[in-house]
Amino acid sequence: RTHAQSRNCTLVTWQPKRKILVTLIETCLPLLFAAILIGLRHRVHSVNHPNATLYHSKEANELPRIFHRRHSGVPWELAYVPSNNTAVQNIAERVEKDLKIKARWFPSEKEFERYIRFDNHSGNILAGVVFENCVGNSQDPLPLQVSYRLRFKYSPRNAPPSERTGLNPNLDRDWNTHYLFPLFQLPGPREAKSDDGGTPGYFREGFLAVQHAVDMAIIQYHANTSTSDLLDRVNSSRYHFWIQRFPYPPYVNDLFLIAIQNQLPLLLMLSFTYTSLNIVRAVVHEKEKKLKEYMRMMGLSNWLHWSAWFLLFFLFLLVSIFFVTILFCVSEQGAVLANSDPTLVFTFLAVFCISTISFSFMVSTFFSKANVAAAAGGFLYFFSYIPYFFISPRYDHMTHSQKLSSCLISNVAMAMGAQLIGMFEGKGEHSVSVDDNFTMAHVLGMLLLDSAIYGLVAWYMENVFPGEYGIPQPWYFFVMVSTGHLSLSLFICPSIYLYSISLSSISLSNIYLPIHPSIHPSIIYLLNFHSHLSDKK
């Protein structure tokens, strides 16, 4: 029996007549989009920086000059919490002397927040200094271990024009304190042309100057008289506090990585769009021409029929992704994915093909006309990619569970996997970021889960809505209890019990169900009924 099933599966797999043009398009379309990336790879040249990148030092013991140019005439103030605390007042006086910024007092942090929200002059507050281990109306000295927070404006004030456009990946809208590294990294120093480190602007926003002034005031508060006098003389002399970025070693600046990080997901989706709609069209066309019912009448099992279709398309796609992997990872003038393991790339594409075929099978069960199904299948396949446009700019704000949930759509899972590949290519080696625990293993697992879900939906829809010539099952068929050769399904209504019986190789005389004829019509099912003809005339 196993040998017969294998033979039937082979026959059914090669049974559909495939047009040569359709086969060529399905096979060559992924190669065409891969060739686009290869062309970009050859046109975009990398820039070699053979020497270390050095940066100039910056003075940080006073507010940057940009404050006086952009905000001239603004009487800056520093807010202190809590008020009426002798130690905090002592520190505030020293900071006011060093930075020449007036102090404003608030009894609690809630009062400070209320002032920022509702007062028209709150824009003059440069920052708030909140001491966490001090209480108001107290004469207690400042503890040796001081804990304080600097609260600046929610968005930087002095972002340059280049950082204010939505096209910039380092968009300066907040302080980005929720992660340590940028989402997309490229070879070379971050903000390579900025001596102060660039985004989010700890130097240009005055954060470092305020932090230095507060720290020096705390040190002076705890120092003895001789040390305090020494610090006063240092601050009043020509000695200043400077900061300087670490040098960066030689590197190669490859701008093509930006194209990979931004365009690879879209190109992969477009590569398999035609294949998806063609799968839907072929499966529904067979249903429309009643070919499936003919094969079922000839004894072909349903799972064997779907397996044959799956193998047919999967084998053709394997050929395509094999050559796509070669084009991506092997090139004399620089590979498209130079730092990616070809085995991982091939596995990722193969798993995506499985989910694409399963998605197409699921869509095919909702239609009975091939042309309508093909149009709807192509639209749904492209539409399922659209959520990624909203997920991508919010990726760094999403939790791990939210990322996994978004991968329940196969095209979104593929896009996030391609994005991870681009992020790894930009990093070059090791993990992408210590802030992100989302990996390719999660993507592959979610793609396989999507395939299973799509398969279950297709199985359920085909049984409940088999089409014009099929026999529909009740919507609750999956909870039918099977006992030996008797399959009994019980559906409980308020006052009616419905029974359906499937008999296999058992005698009808052994079964009796007392169902009143006034409730249900009499129906006779002939199951597994065979006719044997003798060779004798």
Protein backbone atom coordinates (compact mmCIF):
# COMPACT_ATOMS: atom_id res chain seq x y z
CA ARG A 1 0.00 0.00 0.00
CA THR A 2 2.84 2.39 0.82
CA HIS A 3 4.44 1.68 -2.55
CA ALA A 4 1.14 2.38 -4.29
CA GLN A 5 0.70 5.66 -2.46
CA SER A 6 4.22 6.75 -3.40
CA ARG A 7 3.54 5.88 -7.01
CA ASN A 8 0.25 7.78 -6.97
CA CYS A 9 1.92 10.80 -5.40
CA THR A 10 4.58 10.79 -8.12
CA LEU A 11 1.97 10.52 -10.84
CA VAL A 12 -0.19 13.29 -9.42
CA THR A 13 2.82 15.53 -8.92
CA TRP A 14 3.71 15.45 -12.60
CA GLN A 15 0.12 15.21 -13.78
CA PRO A 16 -0.56 18.97 -14.17
CA LYS A 17 0.46 20.29 -17.56
CA ARG A 18 2.65 23.31 -16.96
CA LYS A 19 3.17 25.95 -19.59
CA ILE A 20 6.80 26.57 -20.38
CA LEU A 21 6.40 30.35 -20.11
CA VAL A 22 4.78 30.12 -16.66
CA THR A 23 7.52 27.83 -15.42
CA LEU A 24 10.24 30.14 -16.73
CA ILE A 25 8.65 33.17 -15.07
CA GLU A 26 8.30 31.39 -11.73
CA THR A 27 11.91 30.25 -11.85
CA CYS A 28 13.50 33.39 -13.26
CA LEU A 29 11.57 36.11 -11.43
CA PRO A 30 13.48 35.62 -8.13
CA LEU A 31 16.70 35.56 -10.14
CA LEU A 32 15.73 38.84 -11.80
CA PHE A 33 15.29 40.65 -8.49
CA ALA A 34 18.53 39.10 -7.24
CA ALA A 35 20.22 40.48 -10.35
CA ILE A 36 18.92 43.95 -9.43
CA LEU A 37 20.76 43.80 -6.13
CA ILE A 38 23.86 42.48 -7.87
CA GLY A 39 23.74 45.43 -10.29
CA LEU A 40 23.47 47.84 -7.38
CA ARG A 41 26.34 46.03 -5.68
CA HIS A 42 28.59 46.65 -8.68
CA ARG A 43 27.53 50.30 -9.11
CA VAL A 44 27.86 51.33 -5.46
CA HIS A 45 31.52 51.44 -4.55
CA SER A 46 32.82 51.25 -1.02
CA VAL A 47 35.18 53.86 0.42
CA ASN A 48 38.29 52.68 2.23
CA HIS A 49 39.49 54.62 5.28
CA PRO A 50 43.00 53.26 5.91
CA ASN A 51 43.78 55.59 8.82
CA ALA A 52 42.22 55.94 12.24
CA THR A 53 39.47 58.54 12.59
CA LEU A 54 40.36 61.22 15.15
CA TYR A 55 38.14 63.88 16.72
CA HIS A 56 38.66 67.31 18.25
CA SER A 57 38.05 67.93 21.93
CA LYS A 58 35.12 69.96 23.25
CA GLU A 59 34.87 72.19 26.30
CA ALA A 60 32.09 70.98 28.61
CA ASN A 61 32.35 73.13 31.73
CA GLU A 62 29.80 75.62 30.35
CA LEU A 63 26.77 75.54 28.09
CA PRO A 64 27.58 75.16 24.37
CA ARG A 65 27.66 78.33 22.31
CA ILE A 66 24.67 77.12 20.31
CA PHE A 67 22.47 78.03 23.28
CA HIS A 68 23.51 81.68 22.98
CA ARG A 69 23.06 81.75 19.19
CA ARG A 70 19.70 79.98 18.88
CA HIS A 71 18.16 81.00 22.18
CA SER A 72 19.51 84.49 22.72
CA GLY A 73 17.57 86.48 25.29
CA VAL A 74 16.14 83.36 26.99
CA PRO A 75 16.76 83.47 30.78
CA TRP A 76 17.56 79.83 31.37
CA GLU A 77 16.62 78.25 34.69
CA LEU A 78 17.46 75.00 36.44
CA ALA A 79 14.68 73.40 38.47
CA TYR A 80 15.62 71.73 41.75
CA VAL A 81 13.60 69.14 43.68
CA PRO A 82 13.05 69.16 46.62
CA SER A 83 12.93 72.73 47.87
CA ASN A 84 13.85 74.02 51.34
CA ASN A 85 16.67 71.52 51.71
CA THR A 86 19.89 73.02 52.98
CA ALA A 87 22.20 70.58 51.17
CA VAL A 88 20.36 70.95 47.84
CA GLN A 89 20.37 74.73 48.17
CA ASN A 90 24.12 74.65 48.73
CA ILE A 91 24.62 72.61 45.56
CA ALA A 92 22.26 74.84 43.56
CA GLU A 93 24.22 77.95 44.52
CA ARG A 94 27.47 76.40 43.27
CA VAL A 95 25.86 75.28 39.97
CA GLU A 96 24.33 78.73 39.49
CA LYS A 97 27.76 80.27 39.98
CA ASP A 98 29.46 77.92 37.47
CA LEU A 99 26.81 77.90 34.71
CA LYS A 100 25.27 81.31 35.41
CA ILE A 101 21.78 79.81 35.37
CA LYS A 102 19.08 80.92 37.80
CA ALA A 103 17.65 78.30 40.17
CA ARG A 104 13.91 77.58 40.54
CA TRP A 105 12.60 75.45 43.39
CA PHE A 106 9.80 72.89 43.55
CA PRO A 107 8.66 70.99 46.65
CA SER A 108 8.02 67.74 44.73
CA GLU A 109 8.49 66.19 41.33
CA LYS A 110 4.74 66.29 40.68
CA GLU A 111 4.74 70.06 41.20
CA PHE A 112 7.65 70.33 38.77
CA GLU A 113 5.78 68.30 36.14
CA ARG A 114 2.62 70.38 36.64
CA TYR A 115 4.60 73.56 36.07
CA ILE A 116 6.15 72.18 32.87
CA ARG A 117 2.75 71.18 31.49
CA PHE A 118 0.62 74.21 32.26
CA ASP A 119 2.81 77.29 32.81
CA ASN A 120 3.55 79.52 29.83
CA HIS A 121 7.08 80.24 31.04
CA SER A 122 8.06 76.59 31.42
CA GLY A 123 10.06 76.79 28.19
CA ASN A 124 12.76 78.64 30.13
CA ILE A 125 13.50 75.55 32.20
CA LEU A 126 16.67 74.01 30.78
CA ALA A 127 16.47 70.90 32.95
CA GLY A 128 15.31 69.59 36.28
CA VAL A 129 17.68 68.23 38.93
CA VAL A 130 15.78 65.73 41.09
CA PHE A 131 17.59 64.43 44.19
CA GLU A 132 16.11 61.07 45.12
CA ASN A 133 17.59 60.64 48.62
CA CYS A 134 16.79 64.11 49.95
CA VAL A 135 13.59 65.38 51.55
CA GLY A 136 12.19 68.89 51.68
CA ASN A 137 12.32 71.15 54.73
CA SER A 138 15.34 69.32 56.08
CA GLN A 139 18.65 70.37 57.58
CA ASP A 140 20.21 66.92 57.15
CA PRO A 141 23.55 66.81 55.33
CA LEU A 142 23.84 65.31 51.88
CA PRO A 143 24.64 61.56 52.04
CA LEU A 144 27.93 60.34 50.64
CA GLN A 145 26.14 58.23 48.03
CA VAL A 146 24.09 60.77 46.12
CA SER A 147 21.43 59.72 43.63
CA TYR A 148 19.94 62.34 41.32
CA ARG A 149 18.25 62.52 37.92
CA LEU A 150 18.56 65.09 35.17
CA ARG A 151 15.25 65.69 33.40
CA PHE A 152 15.61 67.56 30.11
CA LYS A 153 12.98 68.44 27.54
CA TYR A 154 11.34 65.37 26.00
CA SER A 155 12.84 66.17 22.57
CA PRO A 156 16.24 67.79 21.94
CA ARG A 157 16.21 71.55 21.32
CA ASN A 158 19.31 71.91 19.17
CA ALA A 159 18.99 69.12 16.62
CA PRO A 160 20.57 70.14 13.29
CA PRO A 161 18.34 70.40 10.19
CA SER A 162 19.72 67.12 8.83
CA GLU A 163 18.35 65.34 11.90
CA ARG A 164 14.81 66.69 11.55
CA THR A 165 13.68 64.82 8.45
CA GLY A 166 11.71 61.59 8.49
CA LEU A 167 14.09 60.00 5.99
CA ASN A 168 17.01 60.06 8.43
CA PRO A 169 17.43 56.79 10.38
CA ASN A 170 18.90 58.77 13.30
CA LEU A 171 15.84 61.00 13.58
CA ASP A 172 16.31 63.28 16.59
CA ARG A 173 12.87 63.22 18.21
CA ASP A 174 13.75 61.85 21.62
CA TRP A 175 16.72 60.88 23.74
CA ASN A 176 16.61 57.19 22.76
CA THR A 177 17.38 56.05 26.29
CA HIS A 178 15.66 52.68 25.80
CA TYR A 179 18.61 51.11 23.96
CA LEU A 180 22.38 51.44 23.85
CA PHE A 181 23.04 51.14 20.10
CA PRO A 182 21.20 52.25 16.94
CA LEU A 183 18.85 49.76 15.31
CA PHE A 184 20.70 49.79 11.97
CA GLN A 185 24.47 49.88 12.22
CA LEU A 186 26.98 50.47 9.46
CA PRO A 187 30.75 49.95 9.36
CA GLY A 188 32.62 52.91 10.75
CA PRO A 189 32.00 55.35 13.60
CA ARG A 190 28.47 56.48 14.33
CA GLU A 191 27.98 60.14 13.33
CA ALA A 192 31.41 60.06 11.72
CA LYS A 193 31.55 63.83 11.05
CA SER A 194 30.43 64.93 14.50
CA ASP A 195 33.07 65.76 17.10
CA ASP A 196 30.52 65.71 19.93
CA GLY A 197 29.05 62.28 19.13
CA GLY A 198 25.90 63.44 17.36
CA THR A 199 22.51 61.97 18.16
CA PRO A 200 20.93 62.31 20.67
CA GLY A 201 23.14 65.32 21.46
CA TYR A 202 24.30 65.01 25.04
CA PHE A 203 26.87 67.74 24.41
CA ARG A 204 24.89 70.20 22.28
CA GLU A 205 21.83 69.96 24.56
CA GLY A 206 23.86 70.97 27.61
CA PHE A 207 23.43 67.62 29.35
CA LEU A 208 27.16 67.09 29.92
CA ALA A 209 27.67 70.65 31.14
CA VAL A 210 24.86 70.38 33.71
CA GLN A 211 26.01 66.94 34.82
CA HIS A 212 29.59 68.17 35.26
CA ALA A 213 28.47 71.24 37.22
CA VAL A 214 26.25 69.21 39.56
CA ASP A 215 28.97 66.60 40.11
CA MET A 216 31.57 69.26 40.91
CA ALA A 217 29.14 70.92 43.34
CA ILE A 218 28.56 67.61 45.13
CA ILE A 219 32.32 66.98 45.33
CA GLN A 220 32.90 70.42 46.76
CA TYR A 221 30.10 69.90 49.28
CA HIS A 222 31.73 66.74 50.64
CA ALA A 223 35.34 67.95 50.37
CA ASN A 224 37.24 69.43 53.29
CA THR A 225 38.16 73.10 53.42
CA SER A 226 41.56 72.81 51.73
CA THR A 227 40.21 70.64 48.90
CA SER A 228 37.25 72.94 48.40
CA ASP A 229 39.54 75.96 48.16
CA LEU A 230 41.68 74.10 45.63
CA LEU A 231 38.64 73.31 43.49
CA ASP A 232 37.50 76.92 43.66
CA ARG A 233 40.92 78.08 42.45
CA VAL A 234 40.83 75.50 39.62
CA ASN A 235 37.37 76.60 38.51
CA SER A 236 38.30 80.27 38.60
CA SER A 237 41.55 79.78 36.66
CA ARG A 238 42.10 78.88 33.03
CA TYR A 239 41.75 75.16 33.61
CA HIS A 240 38.71 73.72 31.86
CA PHE A 241 36.86 70.43 31.52
CA TRP A 242 37.22 68.85 28.08
CA ILE A 243 35.68 65.81 26.41
CA GLN A 244 36.86 63.96 23.32
CA ARG A 245 35.54 61.01 21.32
CA PHE A 246 37.54 57.81 21.17
CA PRO A 247 39.47 57.30 17.91
CA TYR A 248 37.99 54.78 15.49
CA PRO A 249 40.25 52.22 13.74
CA PRO A 250 40.51 51.95 9.94
CA TYR A 251 37.33 50.74 8.23
CA VAL A 252 35.58 50.37 4.87
CA ASN A 253 32.45 52.48 4.39
CA ASP A 254 30.03 50.41 2.28
CA LEU A 255 26.93 52.43 1.37
CA PHE A 256 25.38 49.41 -0.33
CA LEU A 257 24.44 48.08 3.11
CA ILE A 258 21.77 50.79 3.31
CA ALA A 259 20.14 49.33 0.19
CA ILE A 260 20.20 45.84 1.72
CA GLN A 261 18.68 46.99 4.99
CA ASN A 262 15.89 48.95 3.31
CA GLN A 263 15.10 47.11 0.07
CA LEU A 264 15.86 43.41 0.60
CA PRO A 265 12.46 42.59 2.24
CA LEU A 266 10.50 44.28 -0.56
CA LEU A 267 12.49 42.58 -3.32
CA LEU A 268 12.02 39.15 -1.75
CA MET A 269 8.27 39.70 -1.48
CA LEU A 270 8.00 40.81 -5.11
CA SER A 271 10.08 37.81 -6.19
CA PHE A 272 7.41 35.35 -5.06
CA THR A 273 4.24 37.35 -5.80
CA TYR A 274 3.71 35.79 -9.22
CA THR A 275 4.40 32.33 -7.83
CA SER A 276 1.79 32.80 -5.12
CA LEU A 277 -1.00 33.90 -7.42
CA ASN A 278 -0.11 31.15 -9.90
CA ILE A 279 -0.38 28.52 -7.14
CA VAL A 280 -3.83 29.83 -6.25
CA ARG A 281 -4.91 29.87 -9.89
CA ALA A 282 -3.67 26.33 -10.58
CA VAL A 283 -5.35 24.78 -7.52
CA VAL A 284 -8.67 26.56 -8.08
CA HIS A 285 -8.56 25.79 -11.81
CA GLU A 286 -8.42 22.09 -10.96
CA LYS A 287 -11.40 22.53 -8.67
CA GLU A 288 -13.28 24.52 -11.30
CA LYS A 289 -12.76 21.83 -13.96
CA LYS A 290 -13.90 19.08 -11.52
CA LEU A 291 -10.57 17.29 -11.90
CA LYS A 292 -10.18 16.93 -8.17
CA GLU A 293 -13.52 15.13 -7.81
CA TYR A 294 -12.57 12.76 -10.63
CA MET A 295 -9.35 11.84 -8.87
CA ARG A 296 -11.16 11.39 -5.57
CA MET A 297 -13.60 9.03 -7.29
CA MET A 298 -10.61 7.05 -8.54
CA GLY A 299 -9.47 6.51 -4.95
CA LEU A 300 -6.93 9.31 -4.48
CA SER A 301 -6.77 10.41 -0.84
CA ASN A 302 -7.08 14.08 0.02
CA TRP A 303 -3.74 14.36 1.84
CA LEU A 304 -1.99 12.74 -1.10
CA HIS A 305 -3.56 15.26 -3.45
CA TRP A 306 -2.35 18.25 -1.41
CA SER A 307 1.08 16.70 -0.92
CA ALA A 308 1.47 16.34 -4.66
CA TRP A 309 0.65 19.99 -5.24
CA PHE A 310 3.05 21.02 -2.48
CA LEU A 311 5.94 18.97 -3.86
CA LEU A 312 5.30 20.26 -7.36
CA PHE A 313 5.67 23.92 -6.43
CA PHE A 314 8.28 23.41 -3.73
CA LEU A 315 10.66 21.60 -6.08
CA PHE A 316 10.45 24.40 -8.64
CA LEU A 317 11.03 27.02 -5.96
CA LEU A 318 13.99 25.10 -4.55
CA VAL A 319 15.74 25.47 -7.89
CA SER A 320 15.12 29.23 -7.84
CA ILE A 321 16.29 29.84 -4.28
CA PHE A 322 19.37 27.68 -4.84
CA PHE A 323 20.55 30.00 -7.61
CA VAL A 324 19.41 33.08 -5.67
CA THR A 325 21.59 31.99 -2.75
CA ILE A 326 24.56 31.57 -5.07
CA LEU A 327 24.00 35.03 -6.59
CA PHE A 328 23.65 36.62 -3.15
CA CYS A 329 26.64 35.00 -1.46
CA VAL A 330 29.18 34.40 -4.25
CA SER A 331 30.61 37.16 -6.43
CA GLU A 332 34.07 38.13 -7.66
CA GLN A 333 33.44 41.87 -7.21
CA GLY A 334 31.80 41.63 -3.80
CA ALA A 335 28.86 39.52 -2.71
CA VAL A 336 25.47 41.04 -1.95
CA LEU A 337 25.46 39.29 1.44
CA ALA A 338 29.17 39.15 2.14
CA ASN A 339 28.91 38.33 5.86
CA SER A 340 25.98 35.88 5.76
CA ASP A 341 26.29 32.11 5.83
CA PRO A 342 24.89 30.70 2.53
CA THR A 343 23.37 27.77 4.42
CA LEU A 344 21.37 30.11 6.63
CA VAL A 345 20.27 32.21 3.65
CA PHE A 346 19.12 29.10 1.76
CA THR A 347 17.28 27.78 4.83
CA PHE A 348 15.56 31.12 5.35
CA LEU A 349 14.40 31.27 1.73
CA ALA A 350 13.28 27.62 1.76
CA VAL A 351 11.18 28.10 4.90
CA PHE A 352 9.69 31.24 3.39
CA CYS A 353 8.76 29.24 0.28
CA ILE A 354 6.97 26.71 2.49
CA SER A 355 4.93 29.45 4.14
CA THR A 356 4.18 31.04 0.76
CA ILE A 357 2.84 27.77 -0.64
CA SER A 358 0.76 27.18 2.50
CA PHE A 359 -0.63 30.72 2.30
CA SER A 360 -1.59 30.16 -1.33
CA PHE A 361 -3.29 26.86 -0.48
CA MET A 362 -5.29 28.60 2.23
CA VAL A 363 -6.44 31.36 -0.15
CA SER A 364 -7.43 28.80 -2.80
CA THR A 365 -10.01 27.18 -0.50
CA PHE A 366 -12.08 30.39 -0.44
CA PHE A 367 -12.69 30.55 -4.20
CA SER A 368 -14.22 28.45 -6.97
CA LYS A 369 -13.22 30.47 -10.05
CA ALA A 370 -9.60 30.42 -11.14
CA ASN A 371 -9.34 33.96 -12.53
CA VAL A 372 -11.02 35.56 -9.52
CA ALA A 373 -8.88 33.48 -7.18
CA ALA A 374 -5.65 34.49 -8.95
CA ALA A 375 -6.49 38.20 -8.74
CA ALA A 376 -7.55 37.97 -5.11
CA GLY A 377 -4.56 35.80 -4.22
CA GLY A 378 -2.07 38.28 -5.66
CA PHE A 379 -3.78 41.17 -3.89
CA LEU A 380 -3.91 39.38 -0.53
CA TYR A 381 -0.29 38.31 -0.85
CA PHE A 382 0.86 41.89 -1.43
CA PHE A 383 -1.57 43.26 1.17
CA SER A 384 -0.12 40.94 3.81
CA TYR A 385 3.21 42.76 3.42
CA ILE A 386 1.77 46.22 4.14
CA PRO A 387 1.84 45.88 7.98
CA TYR A 388 5.63 45.78 7.77
CA PHE A 389 5.64 49.40 6.58
CA PHE A 390 4.16 50.37 9.96
CA ILE A 391 6.22 47.91 11.99
CA SER A 392 9.65 48.80 10.58
CA PRO A 393 9.91 52.39 11.94
CA ARG A 394 8.62 51.18 15.33
CA TYR A 395 10.76 48.06 15.57
CA ASP A 396 13.04 49.38 18.30
CA HIS A 397 10.02 50.30 20.46
CA MET A 398 8.36 46.87 20.18
CA THR A 399 8.57 44.20 22.85
CA HIS A 400 9.72 40.67 22.09
CA SER A 401 6.17 39.31 22.24
CA GLN A 402 4.94 42.04 19.87
CA LYS A 403 7.63 41.12 17.35
CA LEU A 404 6.63 37.46 17.54
CA SER A 405 2.94 38.33 17.18
CA SER A 406 3.61 40.41 14.08
CA CYS A 407 5.33 37.38 12.54
CA LEU A 408 2.00 35.52 12.45
CA ILE A 409 1.75 37.03 8.96
CA SER A 410 4.26 35.17 6.82
CA ASN A 411 5.29 38.15 4.68
CA VAL A 412 5.91 40.25 7.78
CA ALA A 413 7.99 37.43 9.26
CA MET A 414 10.00 37.25 6.04
CA ALA A 415 10.51 41.02 6.06
CA MET A 416 11.72 40.99 9.65
CA GLY A 417 14.08 38.13 8.82
CA ALA A 418 15.46 40.04 5.84
CA GLN A 419 15.80 43.09 8.07
CA LEU A 420 17.82 41.03 10.54
CA ILE A 421 20.08 39.90 7.69
CA GLY A 422 20.63 43.54 6.75
CA MET A 423 21.37 44.42 10.38
CA PHE A 424 23.91 41.60 10.65
CA GLU A 425 25.50 42.69 7.37
CA GLY A 426 25.86 46.21 8.75
CA LYS A 427 27.37 44.98 12.01
CA GLY A 428 29.74 42.62 10.22
CA GLU A 429 30.26 40.18 13.09
CA HIS A 430 28.86 39.06 16.45
CA SER A 431 25.34 39.98 17.56
CA VAL A 432 23.50 42.97 16.13
CA SER A 433 22.81 44.69 19.43
CA VAL A 434 22.69 43.87 23.12
CA ASP A 435 19.31 45.60 23.22
CA ASP A 436 17.56 43.21 20.81
CA ASN A 437 16.96 39.52 21.60
CA PHE A 438 14.97 38.86 18.43
CA THR A 439 16.92 36.38 16.26
CA MET A 440 16.68 34.45 13.01
CA ALA A 441 15.68 31.35 14.97
CA HIS A 442 12.51 33.16 16.03
CA VAL A 443 11.81 34.13 12.41
CA LEU A 444 12.28 30.58 11.12
CA GLY A 445 10.11 29.18 13.90
CA MET A 446 7.33 31.68 13.23
CA LEU A 447 7.42 30.96 9.48
CA LEU A 448 6.95 27.26 10.18
CA LEU A 449 4.15 28.08 12.62
CA ASP A 450 2.50 30.25 9.97
CA SER A 451 2.70 27.36 7.52
CA ALA A 452 0.98 25.06 10.01
CA ILE A 453 -1.75 27.63 10.71
CA TYR A 454 -2.37 28.23 7.01
CA GLY A 455 -2.53 24.47 6.46
CA LEU A 456 -5.08 24.02 9.24
CA VAL A 457 -7.25 26.81 7.85
CA ALA A 458 -7.09 25.28 4.36
CA TRP A 459 -7.98 21.82 5.76
CA TYR A 460 -10.94 23.21 7.71
CA MET A 461 -12.30 25.34 4.86
CA GLU A 462 -12.03 22.50 2.36
CA ASN A 463 -14.04 20.19 4.62
CA VAL A 464 -16.73 22.70 5.53
CA PHE A 465 -16.94 24.42 2.11
CA PRO A 466 -15.71 21.82 -0.40
CA GLY A 467 -17.27 23.50 -3.41
CA GLU A 468 -20.14 22.72 -5.73
CA TYR A 469 -19.49 18.99 -6.08
CA GLY A 470 -18.01 18.18 -2.69
CA ILE A 471 -19.74 16.81 0.39
CA PRO A 472 -19.61 19.45 3.16
CA GLN A 473 -18.80 18.42 6.68
CA PRO A 474 -20.50 20.04 9.69
CA TRP A 475 -18.60 22.98 11.12
CA TYR A 476 -17.86 20.94 14.25
CA PHE A 477 -16.44 17.95 12.39
CA PHE A 478 -13.02 18.32 14.01
CA VAL A 479 -14.49 17.41 17.42
CA MET A 480 -16.03 14.16 16.20
CA VAL A 481 -15.31 11.24 18.55
CA SER A 482 -14.00 8.14 16.82
CA THR A 483 -14.60 4.71 18.43
CA GLY A 484 -13.25 1.71 16.54
CA HIS A 485 -14.95 1.55 13.17
CA LEU A 486 -17.83 3.77 14.30
CA SER A 487 -17.41 7.53 14.03
CA LEU A 488 -20.08 9.25 16.08
CA SER A 489 -20.61 13.01 16.17
CA LEU A 490 -22.88 14.51 18.77
CA PHE A 491 -24.16 18.04 18.40
CA ILE A 492 -26.28 19.22 21.28
CA CYS A 493 -29.06 21.72 20.67
CA PRO A 494 -31.63 22.87 23.27
CA SER A 495 -33.93 19.94 22.62
CA ILE A 496 -32.56 18.01 19.63
CA TYR A 497 -29.77 15.47 19.36
CA LEU A 498 -28.33 15.02 15.88
CA TYR A 499 -26.39 11.90 15.03
CA SER A 500 -24.27 11.16 11.98
CA ILE A 501 -22.85 7.71 11.44
CA SER A 502 -19.93 6.56 9.28
CA LEU A 503 -19.72 2.82 8.83
CA SER A 504 -16.66 0.89 7.70
CA SER A 505 -16.73 -2.87 7.23
CA ILE A 506 -19.44 -3.47 9.83
CA SER A 507 -22.90 -4.91 9.57
CA LEU A 508 -25.87 -2.55 9.45
CA SER A 509 -27.92 -5.02 11.46
CA ASN A 510 -25.72 -4.44 14.50
CA ILE A 511 -26.55 -0.74 14.78
CA TYR A 512 -29.79 0.76 15.89
CA LEU A 513 -30.36 4.40 16.78
CA PRO A 514 -33.87 5.35 17.94
CA ILE A 515 -34.38 8.64 16.08
CA HIS A 516 -37.96 9.67 15.55
CA PRO A 517 -38.81 10.05 11.82
CA SER A 518 -40.76 13.23 12.45
CA ILE A 519 -37.60 15.00 13.55
CA HIS A 520 -35.11 13.88 10.88
CA PRO A 521 -35.61 12.72 7.31
CA SER A 522 -34.44 9.24 6.40
CA ILE A 523 -31.05 9.30 4.68
CA ILE A 524 -29.00 6.32 3.55
CA TYR A 525 -25.23 6.72 3.17
CA LEU A 526 -23.29 4.18 1.13
CA LEU A 527 -19.68 4.32 2.24
CA ASN A 528 -16.84 2.12 1.00
CA PHE A 529 -19.23 0.45 -1.43
CA HIS A 530 -17.38 -1.61 -4.06
CA SER A 531 -18.49 -3.64 -7.04
CA HIS A 532 -16.50 -6.77 -7.87
CA LEU A 533 -16.90 -8.20 -11.40
CA SER A 534 -16.02 -11.78 -12.12
CA ASP A 535 -13.91 -12.78 -15.09
CA LYS A 536 -16.52 -15.39 -15.97
CA LYS A 537 -19.26 -14.44 -18.41
